[in-house]
N, C-alpha and C. Protein backbone atom coordinates (compact mmCIF):
# COMPACT_ATOMS: atom_id res chain seq x y z
N GLN A 1 -2.20 0.28 21.01
CA GLN A 1 -1.97 1.04 20.12
C GLN A 1 -0.95 0.24 18.75
N VAL A 2 -1.30 0.69 17.84
CA VAL A 2 -0.56 0.39 16.59
C VAL A 2 0.49 1.62 15.94
N GLN A 3 1.33 1.41 15.53
CA GLN A 3 2.07 2.48 14.69
C GLN A 3 2.19 1.98 13.46
N LEU A 4 2.07 2.42 12.24
CA LEU A 4 2.30 2.29 10.60
C LEU A 4 3.02 3.43 10.07
N VAL A 5 4.06 3.14 9.63
CA VAL A 5 5.11 3.69 8.89
C VAL A 5 5.23 3.14 7.76
N GLU A 6 4.60 4.24 6.65
CA GLU A 6 5.23 4.23 5.16
C GLU A 6 6.56 4.86 5.01
N SER A 7 6.92 4.11 3.63
CA SER A 7 8.17 4.37 2.84
C SER A 7 7.91 4.28 1.68
N GLY A 8 9.01 4.61 0.78
CA GLY A 8 8.99 4.36 -0.43
C GLY A 8 8.46 4.88 -1.52
N GLY A 9 7.74 5.96 -1.24
CA GLY A 9 6.63 6.96 -2.23
C GLY A 9 8.10 7.58 -2.87
N GLY A 10 7.48 8.53 -3.75
CA GLY A 10 8.45 9.51 -5.06
C GLY A 10 7.87 9.71 -6.32
N LEU A 11 9.07 10.43 -7.03
CA LEU A 11 8.47 10.69 -8.19
C LEU A 11 8.87 9.17 -9.24
N VAL A 12 7.93 9.56 -10.10
CA VAL A 12 8.51 8.47 -11.48
C VAL A 12 8.04 8.49 -12.71
N GLN A 13 8.43 8.33 -13.69
CA GLN A 13 7.80 8.53 -14.99
C GLN A 13 7.08 7.52 -15.04
N ALA A 14 5.82 7.41 -16.28
CA ALA A 14 5.24 6.63 -16.38
C ALA A 14 5.91 5.46 -16.69
N GLY A 15 5.39 4.12 -16.33
CA GLY A 15 6.06 2.91 -16.84
C GLY A 15 7.10 2.44 -16.04
N GLY A 16 7.60 3.20 -14.93
CA GLY A 16 8.52 2.82 -14.16
C GLY A 16 7.76 1.95 -12.96
N SER A 17 8.56 2.08 -12.04
CA SER A 17 8.40 1.04 -10.79
C SER A 17 8.66 1.78 -9.16
N LEU A 18 8.09 1.39 -8.50
CA LEU A 18 8.45 1.76 -6.94
C LEU A 18 7.59 0.58 -6.00
N ARG A 19 8.39 0.84 -4.98
CA ARG A 19 7.89 -0.17 -3.96
C ARG A 19 7.77 0.28 -2.92
N LEU A 20 6.48 0.01 -1.75
CA LEU A 20 6.28 0.82 -0.63
C LEU A 20 6.37 0.00 0.44
N SER A 21 6.64 0.34 1.40
CA SER A 21 6.81 -0.77 2.78
C SER A 21 5.79 0.15 3.90
N CYS A 22 5.29 -0.54 4.52
CA CYS A 22 4.45 -0.49 5.97
C CYS A 22 5.24 -1.38 7.01
N ALA A 23 5.42 -0.67 7.80
CA ALA A 23 6.00 -1.17 9.14
C ALA A 23 5.21 -1.30 10.39
N ALA A 24 4.70 -2.35 11.12
CA ALA A 24 3.88 -1.93 11.79
C ALA A 24 4.45 -2.49 13.19
N SER A 25 3.84 -1.68 14.32
CA SER A 25 4.70 -1.84 15.63
C SER A 25 3.48 -1.70 16.48
N GLY A 26 3.89 -2.07 17.82
CA GLY A 26 2.74 -1.86 19.21
C GLY A 26 1.83 -3.25 19.23
N ARG A 27 0.49 -2.86 19.42
CA ARG A 27 -0.12 -4.35 19.28
C ARG A 27 -0.25 -5.11 17.82
N THR A 28 -0.51 -6.17 18.42
CA THR A 28 -0.52 -7.19 17.10
C THR A 28 -1.57 -7.85 16.80
N PHE A 29 -2.25 -7.96 15.45
CA PHE A 29 -3.57 -8.27 15.26
C PHE A 29 -3.59 -9.47 14.28
N SER A 30 -3.37 -10.76 14.55
CA SER A 30 -2.98 -11.91 13.77
C SER A 30 -4.24 -12.38 13.09
N THR A 31 -5.15 -11.76 13.36
CA THR A 31 -6.35 -12.13 12.48
C THR A 31 -7.19 -10.57 11.70
N TYR A 32 -6.14 -9.90 11.34
CA TYR A 32 -6.78 -8.71 10.70
C TYR A 32 -5.76 -9.18 9.24
N ALA A 33 -6.41 -8.46 8.27
CA ALA A 33 -5.79 -8.16 7.02
C ALA A 33 -4.92 -6.80 7.03
N MET A 34 -3.90 -6.97 6.36
CA MET A 34 -3.15 -5.42 6.31
C MET A 34 -3.51 -4.73 4.58
N GLY A 35 -3.77 -3.85 4.59
CA GLY A 35 -4.07 -3.30 2.99
C GLY A 35 -3.43 -1.76 2.88
N TRP A 36 -3.39 -1.45 1.63
CA TRP A 36 -3.17 -0.15 1.17
C TRP A 36 -4.33 0.53 0.63
N PHE A 37 -4.21 1.71 0.41
CA PHE A 37 -5.58 2.56 0.10
C PHE A 37 -4.73 3.85 -0.38
N ARG A 38 -5.43 4.54 -1.16
CA ARG A 38 -4.80 5.96 -2.01
C ARG A 38 -6.25 6.67 -2.16
N ARG A 39 -5.18 7.98 -2.15
CA ARG A 39 -6.23 9.46 -2.02
C ARG A 39 -5.52 10.31 -3.17
N ALA A 40 -6.20 9.86 -4.29
CA ALA A 40 -5.99 10.93 -5.34
C ALA A 40 -6.22 12.22 -5.26
N PRO A 41 -5.43 13.50 -6.08
CA PRO A 41 -6.28 14.72 -5.82
C PRO A 41 -7.19 15.00 -5.91
N GLY A 42 -8.25 15.98 -5.11
CA GLY A 42 -9.60 15.84 -4.94
C GLY A 42 -10.70 14.84 -4.87
N LYS A 43 -9.93 13.89 -4.60
CA LYS A 43 -10.98 12.33 -4.59
C LYS A 43 -11.19 11.61 -3.10
N GLU A 44 -11.89 10.76 -3.70
CA GLU A 44 -11.95 10.11 -1.84
C GLU A 44 -11.02 8.80 -1.83
N ARG A 45 -10.64 8.44 -0.83
CA ARG A 45 -9.60 7.58 -0.43
C ARG A 45 -10.47 6.16 -0.96
N LYS A 46 -9.68 5.30 -1.70
CA LYS A 46 -10.15 3.85 -2.44
C LYS A 46 -9.03 2.70 -1.83
N PHE A 47 -9.46 1.97 -1.91
CA PHE A 47 -9.10 0.40 -1.81
C PHE A 47 -8.00 0.63 -2.94
N VAL A 48 -6.98 -0.16 -2.43
CA VAL A 48 -5.72 -0.54 -3.66
C VAL A 48 -5.49 -2.14 -3.55
N ALA A 49 -5.01 -2.78 -2.58
CA ALA A 49 -4.90 -4.17 -2.45
C ALA A 49 -4.77 -4.29 -0.61
N ALA A 50 -4.79 -5.68 -0.55
CA ALA A 50 -5.13 -6.52 0.81
C ALA A 50 -4.31 -7.23 0.78
N ILE A 51 -3.75 -7.59 2.23
CA ILE A 51 -3.45 -9.34 2.36
C ILE A 51 -3.45 -9.70 3.56
N THR A 52 -4.12 -11.14 3.99
CA THR A 52 -4.40 -11.61 5.00
C THR A 52 -3.30 -11.40 6.14
N TRP A 53 -3.20 -11.57 7.22
CA TRP A 53 -2.09 -11.55 7.99
C TRP A 53 -1.41 -12.81 7.73
N SER A 54 -1.90 -14.07 7.73
CA SER A 54 -1.05 -15.59 7.42
C SER A 54 -0.06 -15.08 5.97
N GLY A 55 -0.99 -14.18 5.05
CA GLY A 55 -0.24 -14.17 3.87
C GLY A 55 -0.64 -15.15 2.62
N THR A 56 -2.08 -15.49 3.14
CA THR A 56 -2.61 -16.77 2.27
C THR A 56 -3.23 -16.28 1.15
N ASN A 57 -4.11 -15.15 1.71
CA ASN A 57 -4.41 -14.59 0.59
C ASN A 57 -4.60 -13.10 0.24
N THR A 58 -4.66 -12.68 -1.03
CA THR A 58 -4.38 -11.52 -1.31
C THR A 58 -5.81 -10.77 -2.21
N TYR A 59 -6.23 -9.43 -2.26
CA TYR A 59 -7.13 -9.01 -3.01
C TYR A 59 -6.71 -7.51 -3.62
N TYR A 60 -7.29 -7.28 -4.74
CA TYR A 60 -6.66 -6.19 -5.61
C TYR A 60 -8.16 -5.44 -6.15
N ALA A 61 -7.63 -4.16 -6.12
CA ALA A 61 -8.64 -3.23 -7.04
C ALA A 61 -8.55 -3.66 -8.24
N ASP A 62 -9.28 -3.42 -9.36
CA ASP A 62 -9.41 -3.99 -10.84
C ASP A 62 -8.21 -2.95 -11.56
N SER A 63 -8.04 -1.62 -10.73
CA SER A 63 -7.24 -1.03 -11.66
C SER A 63 -6.00 -1.15 -11.25
N VAL A 64 -5.83 -1.82 -10.49
CA VAL A 64 -4.44 -2.53 -10.36
C VAL A 64 -3.79 -3.63 -10.51
N LYS A 65 -4.71 -4.57 -10.90
CA LYS A 65 -4.34 -5.78 -11.15
C LYS A 65 -3.51 -6.30 -12.21
N GLY A 66 -2.80 -7.14 -11.93
CA GLY A 66 -1.63 -7.25 -12.78
C GLY A 66 -0.35 -6.29 -12.65
N ARG A 67 -0.89 -5.24 -12.17
CA ARG A 67 0.67 -4.23 -12.05
C ARG A 67 1.07 -3.98 -10.64
N PHE A 68 0.43 -4.09 -9.92
CA PHE A 68 0.33 -4.44 -8.35
C PHE A 68 0.81 -5.55 -7.61
N THR A 69 1.75 -5.82 -6.51
CA THR A 69 1.66 -7.20 -5.81
C THR A 69 2.15 -6.51 -4.31
N ILE A 70 1.10 -7.46 -3.85
CA ILE A 70 1.25 -6.92 -2.45
C ILE A 70 1.62 -8.28 -1.32
N SER A 71 2.89 -8.08 -0.68
CA SER A 71 3.49 -9.21 -0.12
C SER A 71 3.51 -8.74 1.83
N LYS A 72 4.43 -9.54 2.46
CA LYS A 72 4.73 -9.21 3.57
C LYS A 72 5.82 -10.15 4.41
N ASP A 73 6.53 -9.86 4.91
CA ASP A 73 7.55 -10.20 5.43
C ASP A 73 6.61 -10.58 6.74
N ALA A 74 6.49 -11.41 7.75
CA ALA A 74 5.78 -11.58 9.21
C ALA A 74 7.08 -11.29 9.96
N ALA A 75 8.21 -11.81 9.82
CA ALA A 75 9.15 -11.25 11.13
C ALA A 75 9.38 -10.23 11.14
N LYS A 76 9.31 -9.03 9.79
CA LYS A 76 9.55 -7.97 10.12
C LYS A 76 8.08 -6.94 10.72
N ASN A 77 7.35 -7.72 10.43
CA ASN A 77 5.55 -6.85 10.60
C ASN A 77 5.99 -5.96 9.49
N THR A 78 6.10 -6.25 8.41
CA THR A 78 6.33 -5.08 7.07
C THR A 78 5.34 -5.75 6.10
N VAL A 79 4.83 -4.60 5.35
CA VAL A 79 3.61 -5.21 4.27
C VAL A 79 4.34 -4.37 3.23
N TYR A 80 4.41 -4.64 2.07
CA TYR A 80 4.90 -4.09 0.41
C TYR A 80 3.87 -4.29 -0.32
N LEU A 81 4.46 -3.02 -0.95
CA LEU A 81 3.21 -2.78 -2.03
C LEU A 81 4.16 -2.57 -3.44
N GLN A 82 4.57 -3.90 -4.41
CA GLN A 82 5.42 -3.20 -5.28
C GLN A 82 4.47 -2.58 -6.59
N MET A 83 4.79 -1.75 -7.13
CA MET A 83 3.87 -1.34 -8.15
C MET A 83 4.78 -1.01 -9.27
N ASN A 84 4.56 -1.83 -10.35
CA ASN A 84 5.18 -1.84 -11.83
C ASN A 84 4.27 -1.43 -12.84
N SER A 85 4.75 -0.58 -14.12
CA SER A 85 4.11 -0.32 -15.11
C SER A 85 2.91 1.16 -14.66
N LEU A 86 3.47 1.44 -13.59
CA LEU A 86 2.88 3.03 -12.99
C LEU A 86 2.26 4.27 -14.25
N LYS A 87 1.40 4.73 -14.16
CA LYS A 87 0.19 5.13 -14.63
C LYS A 87 0.31 6.76 -13.93
N PRO A 88 0.02 7.87 -14.90
CA PRO A 88 -0.36 8.98 -13.87
C PRO A 88 -1.29 8.81 -13.04
N GLU A 89 -2.44 8.06 -13.61
CA GLU A 89 -3.56 8.04 -12.78
C GLU A 89 -3.32 7.14 -11.27
N ASP A 90 -2.13 6.59 -10.87
CA ASP A 90 -1.97 6.28 -10.23
C ASP A 90 -1.22 7.07 -9.00
N THR A 91 -0.88 8.71 -9.30
CA THR A 91 -0.94 9.48 -8.44
C THR A 91 -1.51 9.50 -7.47
N ALA A 92 -1.09 9.65 -6.37
CA ALA A 92 -1.99 9.73 -5.11
C ALA A 92 -0.84 9.30 -3.78
N VAL A 93 -1.74 9.79 -2.38
CA VAL A 93 -1.12 9.55 -1.34
C VAL A 93 -1.46 8.23 -0.99
N TYR A 94 -0.52 7.24 -0.70
CA TYR A 94 -0.87 6.11 -0.51
C TYR A 94 -0.93 5.81 1.05
N TYR A 95 -1.79 4.92 1.33
CA TYR A 95 -2.04 4.62 3.34
C TYR A 95 -2.03 3.22 3.34
N CYS A 96 -1.35 2.93 4.69
CA CYS A 96 -1.08 1.81 5.07
C CYS A 96 -2.31 1.52 6.09
N ASN A 97 -2.92 0.45 6.35
CA ASN A 97 -4.31 0.25 7.01
C ASN A 97 -3.98 -1.05 7.59
N ILE A 98 -4.19 -0.71 8.66
CA ILE A 98 -4.89 -2.22 9.72
C ILE A 98 -5.65 -2.04 10.41
N GLY A 99 -7.16 -2.69 10.68
CA GLY A 99 -8.09 -2.48 11.85
C GLY A 99 -8.46 -1.03 11.05
N THR A 100 -8.29 -0.36 12.83
CA THR A 100 -9.11 0.93 12.58
C THR A 100 -7.65 2.01 12.03
N TYR A 101 -6.51 1.69 12.25
CA TYR A 101 -5.44 2.04 12.04
C TYR A 101 -4.77 2.56 11.00
N TRP A 102 -4.17 3.82 10.58
CA TRP A 102 -3.71 4.09 9.41
C TRP A 102 -2.47 4.73 9.46
N GLY A 103 -1.59 4.69 8.65
CA GLY A 103 -0.35 5.45 8.38
C GLY A 103 -0.40 7.07 7.97
N GLN A 104 0.35 7.80 7.96
CA GLN A 104 0.42 8.65 7.40
C GLN A 104 0.80 9.38 6.23
N GLY A 105 0.67 8.48 5.31
CA GLY A 105 0.40 8.22 4.12
C GLY A 105 2.05 8.46 3.54
N THR A 106 2.16 8.10 2.23
CA THR A 106 3.21 8.49 1.41
C THR A 106 3.03 9.07 -0.08
N GLN A 107 3.56 9.84 -0.63
CA GLN A 107 3.34 10.81 -2.10
C GLN A 107 3.72 9.29 -2.89
N VAL A 108 3.15 9.39 -3.96
CA VAL A 108 3.25 8.73 -5.09
C VAL A 108 3.20 9.72 -6.14
N THR A 109 3.99 9.64 -7.25
CA THR A 109 3.72 10.86 -8.25
C THR A 109 4.01 10.31 -9.54
N VAL A 110 3.33 10.32 -10.33
CA VAL A 110 3.69 9.69 -11.83
C VAL A 110 3.53 10.31 -12.57
N SER A 111 4.85 10.72 -13.45
CA SER A 111 4.68 11.78 -14.68
C SER A 111 4.57 10.97 -15.86
N SER A 112 3.91 11.76 -16.41
CA SER A 112 3.72 11.33 -17.81
C SER A 112 5.02 11.52 -19.20
């Protein structure tokens, strides 16, 4: 069993920044990547960013490249998503993922 707990969401004005955190506990998945997905109102959940467990490789959706940065602290089993230059279209519930496990989600709202 794996538990994923997200934090760091909130309300921010366009152009602002937020940092999301996802703390993992339980089983360890040393061969799995950890990722962030988001679901905007009325839309399907979509990929945002991912990082390999080693932290060597990162992947981003085109819509967030250059604005979002994913990183991890292996000692804390925590993955971060630094979000800069936020836009209203970034408004969504953000979910942390590893393998088949999902966090409960954290709301990010960007006002124009």
